[in-house]
Amino acid sequence: MRKIIFIVLLLFIVSTIFAEVVKEKKPLFVVSPTIGFLSGVRAGVGYAKISDEKVWEHTLNYQNELISHAAAPEITNKSINSYYLDSIYYQANRFWNSSRTESFLILKAGATLMPAMGIAMGGIDTDWAFPILAIGYGYSWKFKGLFLRPSIHLGIQLKVVNLEFAIVY
């Protein structure tokens, strides 16, 4: 767990080393509900670096999701088990205009911390981590001082294809 947190924080810090002349740095806060097979919420804090040529948003995110699944009768007396999955990851959004609207590129790196699970016919007896390494595309609209952003991510993560809707303050 400590190694994962260290790696994510290192990625967050290293991104500032390769900084260019920044005209403006704006703090930001992200909230994103997730629905479907894994339901939960994501919260992130970070900043937007606005330079002459491009805009990068860097956020450190925590995501908590609930997974429910059917369990075999020999494992438990309940027909449904539920587990919470915690993810910690760094996300960088690359915009092509200073208004941070329209299309943007997404890069994600981190890990999902998974509890021991007794899934269906067997399971994993110890806690473990699943990597997150994904690339994505999103679109951003400005609405009354905040940004609304649907996006899609593909890569190594629990859901190979992840659809998301974020609200950025």
N, C-alpha and C. Protein backbone atom coordinates (compact mmCIF):
# COMPACT_ATOMS: atom_id res chain seq x y z
N MET A 1 0.83 -1.19 0.00
CA MET A 1 0.00 0.00 0.00
C MET A 1 0.88 1.25 0.00
N ARG A 2 1.91 1.27 0.86
CA ARG A 2 2.78 2.44 0.93
C ARG A 2 3.54 2.64 -0.37
N LYS A 3 3.94 1.53 -1.00
CA LYS A 3 4.66 1.64 -2.27
C LYS A 3 3.78 2.27 -3.35
N ILE A 4 2.53 1.88 -3.40
CA ILE A 4 1.60 2.41 -4.40
C ILE A 4 1.38 3.90 -4.18
N ILE A 5 1.15 4.29 -2.93
CA ILE A 5 0.95 5.70 -2.63
C ILE A 5 2.20 6.49 -2.97
N PHE A 6 3.38 5.93 -2.65
CA PHE A 6 4.64 6.59 -2.97
C PHE A 6 4.80 6.79 -4.48
N ILE A 7 4.49 5.76 -5.28
CA ILE A 7 4.63 5.85 -6.73
C ILE A 7 3.68 6.90 -7.31
N VAL A 8 2.44 6.91 -6.85
CA VAL A 8 1.46 7.88 -7.35
C VAL A 8 1.89 9.30 -6.99
N LEU A 9 2.34 9.51 -5.75
CA LEU A 9 2.81 10.84 -5.35
C LEU A 9 4.05 11.24 -6.13
N LEU A 10 4.93 10.29 -6.41
CA LEU A 10 6.12 10.58 -7.19
C LEU A 10 5.76 11.03 -8.60
N LEU A 11 4.79 10.35 -9.22
CA LEU A 11 4.33 10.77 -10.54
C LEU A 11 3.76 12.18 -10.50
N PHE A 12 3.02 12.47 -9.45
CA PHE A 12 2.41 13.79 -9.29
C PHE A 12 3.48 14.87 -9.16
N ILE A 13 4.55 14.60 -8.42
CA ILE A 13 5.61 15.57 -8.20
C ILE A 13 6.52 15.70 -9.42
N VAL A 14 6.85 14.58 -10.06
CA VAL A 14 7.75 14.60 -11.21
C VAL A 14 7.17 15.42 -12.36
N SER A 15 5.86 15.43 -12.48
CA SER A 15 5.25 16.19 -13.57
C SER A 15 5.59 17.68 -13.49
N THR A 16 5.84 18.18 -12.29
CA THR A 16 6.19 19.59 -12.16
C THR A 16 7.64 19.88 -12.54
N ILE A 17 8.50 18.87 -12.53
CA ILE A 17 9.90 19.06 -12.88
C ILE A 17 10.05 19.49 -14.33
N PHE A 18 9.24 18.92 -15.20
CA PHE A 18 9.33 19.21 -16.63
C PHE A 18 8.44 20.37 -17.02
N ALA A 19 8.22 21.25 -16.10
CA ALA A 19 7.32 22.38 -16.34
C ALA A 19 7.95 23.38 -17.30
N GLU A 20 7.08 24.06 -18.01
CA GLU A 20 7.51 25.14 -18.90
C GLU A 20 7.08 26.46 -18.27
N VAL A 21 7.24 27.56 -18.96
CA VAL A 21 6.84 28.85 -18.44
C VAL A 21 5.32 28.85 -18.28
N VAL A 22 4.88 28.95 -17.06
CA VAL A 22 3.46 28.86 -16.76
C VAL A 22 2.92 30.27 -16.53
N LYS A 23 1.89 30.62 -17.28
CA LYS A 23 1.25 31.93 -17.11
C LYS A 23 0.37 31.94 -15.87
N GLU A 24 -0.26 30.80 -15.61
CA GLU A 24 -1.24 30.75 -14.53
C GLU A 24 -1.36 29.33 -14.01
N LYS A 25 -1.56 29.20 -12.69
CA LYS A 25 -1.82 27.91 -12.06
C LYS A 25 -3.12 28.06 -11.28
N LYS A 26 -4.08 27.20 -11.59
CA LYS A 26 -5.38 27.28 -10.92
C LYS A 26 -5.65 25.99 -10.17
N PRO A 27 -6.06 26.08 -8.90
CA PRO A 27 -6.44 24.87 -8.18
C PRO A 27 -7.76 24.32 -8.72
N LEU A 28 -7.95 23.00 -8.59
CA LEU A 28 -9.22 22.43 -9.02
C LEU A 28 -9.61 21.27 -8.13
N PHE A 29 -10.90 20.98 -8.13
CA PHE A 29 -11.48 19.88 -7.37
C PHE A 29 -12.40 19.12 -8.31
N VAL A 30 -12.31 17.79 -8.32
CA VAL A 30 -13.09 16.95 -9.23
C VAL A 30 -13.99 16.02 -8.42
N VAL A 31 -15.25 15.90 -8.84
CA VAL A 31 -16.19 14.93 -8.29
C VAL A 31 -16.79 14.18 -9.45
N SER A 32 -16.84 12.84 -9.33
CA SER A 32 -17.36 12.05 -10.43
C SER A 32 -18.09 10.82 -9.90
N PRO A 33 -19.40 10.75 -10.10
CA PRO A 33 -20.11 9.52 -9.75
C PRO A 33 -19.86 8.45 -10.81
N THR A 34 -19.81 7.20 -10.39
CA THR A 34 -19.70 6.09 -11.33
C THR A 34 -20.92 5.19 -11.15
N ILE A 35 -21.42 4.67 -12.25
CA ILE A 35 -22.59 3.80 -12.18
C ILE A 35 -22.33 2.56 -13.01
N GLY A 36 -23.17 1.56 -12.84
CA GLY A 36 -23.02 0.34 -13.61
C GLY A 36 -22.54 -0.79 -12.73
N PHE A 37 -21.72 -1.66 -13.29
CA PHE A 37 -21.21 -2.83 -12.58
C PHE A 37 -20.49 -2.42 -11.30
N LEU A 38 -19.69 -1.39 -11.36
CA LEU A 38 -19.02 -0.84 -10.19
C LEU A 38 -19.58 0.56 -9.94
N SER A 39 -20.30 0.74 -8.84
CA SER A 39 -20.91 2.03 -8.53
C SER A 39 -20.16 2.68 -7.38
N GLY A 40 -19.96 3.98 -7.48
CA GLY A 40 -19.26 4.67 -6.41
C GLY A 40 -19.06 6.13 -6.73
N VAL A 41 -17.98 6.69 -6.18
CA VAL A 41 -17.70 8.10 -6.38
C VAL A 41 -16.18 8.30 -6.40
N ARG A 42 -15.77 9.31 -7.18
CA ARG A 42 -14.36 9.69 -7.27
C ARG A 42 -14.24 11.14 -6.82
N ALA A 43 -13.20 11.44 -6.06
CA ALA A 43 -12.88 12.81 -5.67
C ALA A 43 -11.40 13.03 -5.94
N GLY A 44 -11.08 14.19 -6.49
CA GLY A 44 -9.69 14.49 -6.79
C GLY A 44 -9.36 15.94 -6.55
N VAL A 45 -8.11 16.20 -6.22
CA VAL A 45 -7.62 17.57 -6.06
C VAL A 45 -6.38 17.74 -6.92
N GLY A 46 -6.18 18.94 -7.40
CA GLY A 46 -5.02 19.19 -8.24
C GLY A 46 -4.96 20.62 -8.70
N TYR A 47 -4.36 20.81 -9.86
CA TYR A 47 -4.22 22.15 -10.40
C TYR A 47 -4.16 22.11 -11.91
N ALA A 48 -4.48 23.23 -12.52
CA ALA A 48 -4.38 23.40 -13.97
C ALA A 48 -3.20 24.31 -14.24
N LYS A 49 -2.28 23.86 -15.12
CA LYS A 49 -1.13 24.68 -15.53
C LYS A 49 -1.44 25.24 -16.91
N ILE A 50 -1.57 26.55 -16.98
CA ILE A 50 -1.89 27.21 -18.24
C ILE A 50 -0.65 27.93 -18.74
N SER A 51 -0.17 27.53 -19.92
CA SER A 51 0.99 28.18 -20.54
C SER A 51 0.58 28.73 -21.89
N ASP A 52 1.53 29.30 -22.61
CA ASP A 52 1.23 29.87 -23.92
C ASP A 52 0.76 28.82 -24.92
N GLU A 53 1.37 27.65 -24.87
CA GLU A 53 1.11 26.65 -25.90
C GLU A 53 0.05 25.63 -25.54
N LYS A 54 -0.09 25.30 -24.26
CA LYS A 54 -1.01 24.24 -23.88
C LYS A 54 -1.46 24.37 -22.43
N VAL A 55 -2.43 23.53 -22.08
CA VAL A 55 -2.95 23.47 -20.72
C VAL A 55 -2.92 22.02 -20.25
N TRP A 56 -2.37 21.80 -19.07
CA TRP A 56 -2.39 20.49 -18.43
C TRP A 56 -3.12 20.61 -17.11
N GLU A 57 -3.99 19.67 -16.83
CA GLU A 57 -4.60 19.54 -15.50
C GLU A 57 -4.00 18.30 -14.86
N HIS A 58 -3.52 18.45 -13.64
CA HIS A 58 -2.94 17.33 -12.89
C HIS A 58 -3.80 17.12 -11.65
N THR A 59 -4.29 15.91 -11.45
CA THR A 59 -5.09 15.62 -10.26
C THR A 59 -4.65 14.32 -9.62
N LEU A 60 -4.72 14.30 -8.31
CA LEU A 60 -4.52 13.09 -7.53
C LEU A 60 -5.91 12.68 -7.07
N ASN A 61 -6.31 11.45 -7.41
CA ASN A 61 -7.69 11.02 -7.23
C ASN A 61 -7.81 9.84 -6.27
N TYR A 62 -8.92 9.83 -5.54
CA TYR A 62 -9.32 8.70 -4.72
C TYR A 62 -10.70 8.28 -5.21
N GLN A 63 -10.86 7.00 -5.50
CA GLN A 63 -12.14 6.49 -5.99
C GLN A 63 -12.55 5.31 -5.14
N ASN A 64 -13.78 5.28 -4.70
CA ASN A 64 -14.33 4.19 -3.91
C ASN A 64 -15.51 3.62 -4.67
N GLU A 65 -15.47 2.31 -4.96
CA GLU A 65 -16.53 1.67 -5.71
C GLU A 65 -17.02 0.43 -4.98
N LEU A 66 -18.29 0.15 -5.14
CA LEU A 66 -18.93 -1.02 -4.55
C LEU A 66 -19.11 -2.06 -5.62
N ILE A 67 -18.66 -3.28 -5.36
CA ILE A 67 -18.89 -4.38 -6.29
C ILE A 67 -19.71 -5.44 -5.57
N SER A 68 -20.78 -5.86 -6.19
CA SER A 68 -21.62 -6.94 -5.66
C SER A 68 -21.58 -8.08 -6.65
N HIS A 69 -21.53 -9.28 -6.15
CA HIS A 69 -21.49 -10.44 -7.04
C HIS A 69 -22.15 -11.63 -6.36
N ALA A 70 -22.57 -12.58 -7.16
CA ALA A 70 -23.17 -13.80 -6.64
C ALA A 70 -22.06 -14.68 -6.07
N ALA A 71 -22.36 -15.33 -4.95
CA ALA A 71 -21.38 -16.22 -4.32
C ALA A 71 -21.93 -17.64 -4.31
N ALA A 72 -21.07 -18.60 -4.39
CA ALA A 72 -21.47 -20.00 -4.37
C ALA A 72 -21.94 -20.37 -2.95
N PRO A 73 -22.93 -21.25 -2.81
CA PRO A 73 -23.46 -21.60 -1.49
C PRO A 73 -22.41 -22.18 -0.55
N GLU A 74 -21.38 -22.87 -1.10
CA GLU A 74 -20.37 -23.45 -0.22
C GLU A 74 -19.43 -22.41 0.38
N ILE A 75 -19.42 -21.21 -0.16
CA ILE A 75 -18.56 -20.16 0.38
C ILE A 75 -19.28 -19.38 1.48
N THR A 76 -20.52 -19.09 1.27
CA THR A 76 -21.27 -18.28 2.22
C THR A 76 -22.75 -18.65 2.16
N ASN A 77 -23.47 -18.31 3.19
CA ASN A 77 -24.91 -18.55 3.20
C ASN A 77 -25.66 -17.47 2.44
N LYS A 78 -25.00 -16.36 2.15
CA LYS A 78 -25.63 -15.27 1.42
C LYS A 78 -25.48 -15.53 -0.08
N SER A 79 -26.47 -15.09 -0.86
CA SER A 79 -26.38 -15.25 -2.31
C SER A 79 -25.60 -14.12 -2.97
N ILE A 80 -25.44 -12.99 -2.25
CA ILE A 80 -24.72 -11.84 -2.81
C ILE A 80 -23.69 -11.36 -1.80
N ASN A 81 -22.49 -11.13 -2.26
CA ASN A 81 -21.43 -10.53 -1.44
C ASN A 81 -21.14 -9.14 -1.99
N SER A 82 -20.71 -8.25 -1.13
CA SER A 82 -20.34 -6.89 -1.56
C SER A 82 -18.97 -6.55 -1.02
N TYR A 83 -18.20 -5.87 -1.83
CA TYR A 83 -16.87 -5.42 -1.44
C TYR A 83 -16.68 -3.99 -1.90
N TYR A 84 -15.87 -3.24 -1.16
CA TYR A 84 -15.51 -1.89 -1.58
C TYR A 84 -14.10 -1.92 -2.15
N LEU A 85 -13.93 -1.29 -3.30
CA LEU A 85 -12.63 -1.21 -3.95
C LEU A 85 -12.15 0.24 -3.88
N ASP A 86 -10.95 0.44 -3.39
CA ASP A 86 -10.38 1.77 -3.29
C ASP A 86 -9.30 1.93 -4.36
N SER A 87 -9.37 3.02 -5.11
CA SER A 87 -8.36 3.30 -6.14
C SER A 87 -7.70 4.64 -5.82
N ILE A 88 -6.40 4.67 -6.02
CA ILE A 88 -5.64 5.91 -5.89
C ILE A 88 -4.86 6.04 -7.19
N TYR A 89 -5.06 7.18 -7.88
CA TYR A 89 -4.36 7.33 -9.15
C TYR A 89 -4.13 8.80 -9.48
N TYR A 90 -3.14 8.99 -10.32
CA TYR A 90 -2.79 10.31 -10.86
C TYR A 90 -3.43 10.40 -12.24
N GLN A 91 -4.02 11.55 -12.54
CA GLN A 91 -4.61 11.76 -13.87
C GLN A 91 -4.13 13.09 -14.42
N ALA A 92 -3.72 13.05 -15.69
CA ALA A 92 -3.30 14.27 -16.39
C ALA A 92 -4.23 14.46 -17.59
N ASN A 93 -4.81 15.63 -17.70
CA ASN A 93 -5.66 15.98 -18.84
C ASN A 93 -4.93 17.02 -19.67
N ARG A 94 -4.83 16.80 -20.97
CA ARG A 94 -4.14 17.71 -21.89
C ARG A 94 -5.16 18.41 -22.76
N PHE A 95 -5.25 19.74 -22.65
CA PHE A 95 -6.17 20.54 -23.45
C PHE A 95 -5.40 21.29 -24.52
N TRP A 96 -6.08 21.63 -25.59
CA TRP A 96 -5.47 22.36 -26.70
C TRP A 96 -5.91 23.82 -26.75
N ASN A 97 -6.61 24.29 -25.71
CA ASN A 97 -6.96 25.71 -25.63
C ASN A 97 -6.95 26.14 -24.17
N SER A 98 -6.74 27.41 -23.92
CA SER A 98 -6.61 27.90 -22.55
C SER A 98 -7.94 27.96 -21.80
N SER A 99 -9.05 27.84 -22.49
CA SER A 99 -10.35 27.87 -21.82
C SER A 99 -10.71 26.52 -21.19
N ARG A 100 -9.93 25.47 -21.46
CA ARG A 100 -10.14 24.11 -20.95
C ARG A 100 -11.51 23.56 -21.34
N THR A 101 -11.92 23.89 -22.56
CA THR A 101 -13.16 23.36 -23.09
C THR A 101 -12.85 22.54 -24.35
N GLU A 102 -13.85 21.90 -24.86
CA GLU A 102 -13.76 21.03 -26.04
C GLU A 102 -12.98 19.76 -25.71
N SER A 103 -12.40 19.12 -26.71
CA SER A 103 -11.79 17.80 -26.51
C SER A 103 -10.48 17.88 -25.74
N PHE A 104 -10.18 16.77 -25.01
CA PHE A 104 -8.93 16.68 -24.27
C PHE A 104 -8.48 15.22 -24.16
N LEU A 105 -7.18 15.04 -23.97
CA LEU A 105 -6.55 13.74 -23.82
C LEU A 105 -6.40 13.43 -22.34
N ILE A 106 -6.55 12.16 -21.96
CA ILE A 106 -6.48 11.75 -20.57
C ILE A 106 -5.40 10.68 -20.42
N LEU A 107 -4.55 10.82 -19.41
CA LEU A 107 -3.56 9.81 -19.05
C LEU A 107 -3.75 9.49 -17.57
N LYS A 108 -3.84 8.17 -17.23
CA LYS A 108 -4.07 7.76 -15.85
C LYS A 108 -3.04 6.72 -15.44
N ALA A 109 -2.56 6.80 -14.18
CA ALA A 109 -1.65 5.80 -13.63
C ALA A 109 -1.88 5.70 -12.13
N GLY A 110 -1.96 4.47 -11.62
CA GLY A 110 -2.16 4.26 -10.20
C GLY A 110 -2.49 2.81 -9.92
N ALA A 111 -3.32 2.57 -8.90
CA ALA A 111 -3.67 1.19 -8.53
C ALA A 111 -5.01 1.16 -7.82
N THR A 112 -5.69 0.01 -7.96
CA THR A 112 -6.91 -0.28 -7.22
C THR A 112 -6.54 -1.27 -6.14
N LEU A 113 -6.86 -0.95 -4.90
CA LEU A 113 -6.57 -1.82 -3.76
C LEU A 113 -7.77 -2.73 -3.56
N MET A 114 -7.54 -4.03 -3.67
CA MET A 114 -8.65 -4.98 -3.66
C MET A 114 -8.58 -5.86 -2.42
N PRO A 115 -9.72 -6.05 -1.74
CA PRO A 115 -9.74 -6.93 -0.57
C PRO A 115 -9.76 -8.40 -1.00
N ALA A 116 -9.49 -9.28 -0.06
CA ALA A 116 -9.62 -10.71 -0.32
C ALA A 116 -11.08 -10.99 -0.65
N MET A 117 -11.33 -11.75 -1.72
CA MET A 117 -12.70 -12.00 -2.17
C MET A 117 -12.94 -13.48 -2.36
N GLY A 118 -14.12 -13.92 -2.00
CA GLY A 118 -14.55 -15.29 -2.28
C GLY A 118 -15.50 -15.25 -3.46
N ILE A 119 -15.00 -15.08 -4.65
CA ILE A 119 -15.85 -14.94 -5.84
C ILE A 119 -16.26 -16.32 -6.33
N ALA A 120 -17.55 -16.50 -6.49
CA ALA A 120 -18.19 -17.69 -7.05
C ALA A 120 -17.53 -18.99 -6.62
N MET A 121 -16.73 -19.62 -7.45
CA MET A 121 -16.19 -20.95 -7.17
C MET A 121 -14.83 -20.92 -6.49
N GLY A 122 -14.43 -19.84 -5.98
CA GLY A 122 -13.12 -19.72 -5.33
C GLY A 122 -12.74 -18.27 -5.35
N GLY A 123 -11.63 -17.95 -4.77
CA GLY A 123 -11.29 -16.54 -4.75
C GLY A 123 -9.86 -16.29 -4.37
N ILE A 124 -9.59 -15.10 -3.96
CA ILE A 124 -8.25 -14.68 -3.59
C ILE A 124 -8.25 -14.49 -2.08
N ASP A 125 -7.29 -15.14 -1.41
CA ASP A 125 -7.28 -15.16 0.05
C ASP A 125 -6.62 -13.95 0.70
N THR A 126 -5.92 -13.14 -0.08
CA THR A 126 -5.23 -11.99 0.51
C THR A 126 -5.60 -10.71 -0.23
N ASP A 127 -5.37 -9.59 0.44
CA ASP A 127 -5.55 -8.30 -0.23
C ASP A 127 -4.49 -8.14 -1.31
N TRP A 128 -4.83 -7.43 -2.37
CA TRP A 128 -3.88 -7.25 -3.47
C TRP A 128 -4.19 -5.97 -4.20
N ALA A 129 -3.32 -5.57 -5.12
CA ALA A 129 -3.49 -4.33 -5.88
C ALA A 129 -3.55 -4.65 -7.37
N PHE A 130 -4.45 -3.96 -8.07
CA PHE A 130 -4.58 -4.11 -9.52
C PHE A 130 -4.13 -2.80 -10.15
N PRO A 131 -3.22 -2.84 -11.12
CA PRO A 131 -2.69 -1.58 -11.69
C PRO A 131 -3.72 -0.82 -12.52
N ILE A 132 -3.53 0.48 -12.59
CA ILE A 132 -4.30 1.34 -13.48
C ILE A 132 -3.30 2.03 -14.39
N LEU A 133 -3.43 1.81 -15.67
CA LEU A 133 -2.62 2.48 -16.68
C LEU A 133 -3.51 2.62 -17.90
N ALA A 134 -4.02 3.82 -18.12
CA ALA A 134 -5.03 4.01 -19.16
C ALA A 134 -4.83 5.32 -19.90
N ILE A 135 -5.39 5.36 -21.09
CA ILE A 135 -5.41 6.56 -21.92
C ILE A 135 -6.86 6.79 -22.31
N GLY A 136 -7.24 8.03 -22.48
CA GLY A 136 -8.63 8.30 -22.80
C GLY A 136 -8.84 9.60 -23.54
N TYR A 137 -10.11 9.85 -23.81
CA TYR A 137 -10.54 11.03 -24.53
C TYR A 137 -11.78 11.57 -23.84
N GLY A 138 -11.88 12.88 -23.74
CA GLY A 138 -13.04 13.48 -23.13
C GLY A 138 -13.42 14.78 -23.82
N TYR A 139 -14.56 15.29 -23.44
CA TYR A 139 -15.04 16.56 -23.97
C TYR A 139 -15.48 17.40 -22.78
N SER A 140 -15.19 18.70 -22.80
CA SER A 140 -15.44 19.57 -21.67
C SER A 140 -16.33 20.75 -22.07
N TRP A 141 -17.37 21.01 -21.24
CA TRP A 141 -18.22 22.18 -21.40
C TRP A 141 -18.12 23.01 -20.13
N LYS A 142 -18.12 24.32 -20.29
CA LYS A 142 -18.16 25.21 -19.13
C LYS A 142 -19.61 25.59 -18.88
N PHE A 143 -20.05 25.45 -17.62
CA PHE A 143 -21.43 25.73 -17.26
C PHE A 143 -21.45 26.37 -15.87
N LYS A 144 -21.78 27.66 -15.81
CA LYS A 144 -21.91 28.40 -14.55
C LYS A 144 -20.71 28.24 -13.62
N GLY A 145 -19.51 28.44 -14.14
CA GLY A 145 -18.32 28.42 -13.32
C GLY A 145 -17.70 27.06 -13.06
N LEU A 146 -18.29 26.00 -13.59
CA LEU A 146 -17.69 24.68 -13.45
C LEU A 146 -17.68 23.98 -14.80
N PHE A 147 -16.95 22.88 -14.86
CA PHE A 147 -16.82 22.15 -16.12
C PHE A 147 -17.53 20.81 -16.01
N LEU A 148 -18.25 20.44 -17.06
CA LEU A 148 -18.92 19.14 -17.16
C LEU A 148 -18.17 18.33 -18.21
N ARG A 149 -17.75 17.10 -17.84
CA ARG A 149 -16.85 16.34 -18.71
C ARG A 149 -17.19 14.86 -18.81
N PRO A 150 -17.85 14.46 -19.88
CA PRO A 150 -17.94 13.02 -20.14
C PRO A 150 -16.63 12.55 -20.77
N SER A 151 -16.24 11.30 -20.47
CA SER A 151 -14.99 10.78 -21.02
C SER A 151 -15.03 9.26 -21.11
N ILE A 152 -14.10 8.73 -21.87
CA ILE A 152 -13.92 7.28 -22.01
C ILE A 152 -12.44 6.98 -21.85
N HIS A 153 -12.12 5.92 -21.10
CA HIS A 153 -10.74 5.52 -20.87
C HIS A 153 -10.57 4.06 -21.28
N LEU A 154 -9.47 3.76 -21.90
CA LEU A 154 -9.13 2.39 -22.30
C LEU A 154 -7.77 2.04 -21.71
N GLY A 155 -7.61 0.81 -21.25
CA GLY A 155 -6.30 0.41 -20.76
C GLY A 155 -6.38 -0.66 -19.70
N ILE A 156 -5.31 -0.74 -18.94
CA ILE A 156 -5.22 -1.71 -17.85
C ILE A 156 -5.89 -1.09 -16.63
N GLN A 157 -7.06 -1.59 -16.31
CA GLN A 157 -7.83 -1.14 -15.16
C GLN A 157 -8.91 -2.19 -14.94
N LEU A 158 -9.65 -2.12 -13.84
CA LEU A 158 -10.66 -3.15 -13.57
C LEU A 158 -11.68 -3.26 -14.68
N LYS A 159 -12.12 -2.11 -15.18
CA LYS A 159 -13.01 -2.10 -16.34
C LYS A 159 -12.14 -1.70 -17.52
N VAL A 160 -11.94 -2.59 -18.47
CA VAL A 160 -11.05 -2.30 -19.60
C VAL A 160 -11.48 -1.01 -20.29
N VAL A 161 -12.80 -0.84 -20.46
CA VAL A 161 -13.34 0.40 -21.01
C VAL A 161 -14.14 1.06 -19.88
N ASN A 162 -13.81 2.28 -19.56
CA ASN A 162 -14.45 2.99 -18.47
C ASN A 162 -15.10 4.26 -18.99
N LEU A 163 -16.40 4.41 -18.78
CA LEU A 163 -17.11 5.64 -19.12
C LEU A 163 -17.29 6.44 -17.84
N GLU A 164 -17.13 7.75 -17.92
CA GLU A 164 -17.17 8.57 -16.73
C GLU A 164 -17.79 9.92 -17.05
N PHE A 165 -18.38 10.53 -16.05
CA PHE A 165 -18.89 11.89 -16.13
C PHE A 165 -18.36 12.65 -14.93
N ALA A 166 -17.53 13.66 -15.14
CA ALA A 166 -16.89 14.39 -14.04
C ALA A 166 -17.41 15.82 -13.98
N ILE A 167 -17.44 16.34 -12.76
CA ILE A 167 -17.77 17.74 -12.51
C ILE A 167 -16.51 18.35 -11.89
N VAL A 168 -15.97 19.40 -12.53
CA VAL A 168 -14.72 20.01 -12.08
C VAL A 168 -14.99 21.42 -11.62
N TYR A 169 -14.56 21.72 -10.40
CA TYR A 169 -14.73 23.05 -9.81
C TYR A 169 -13.45 23.82 -9.93
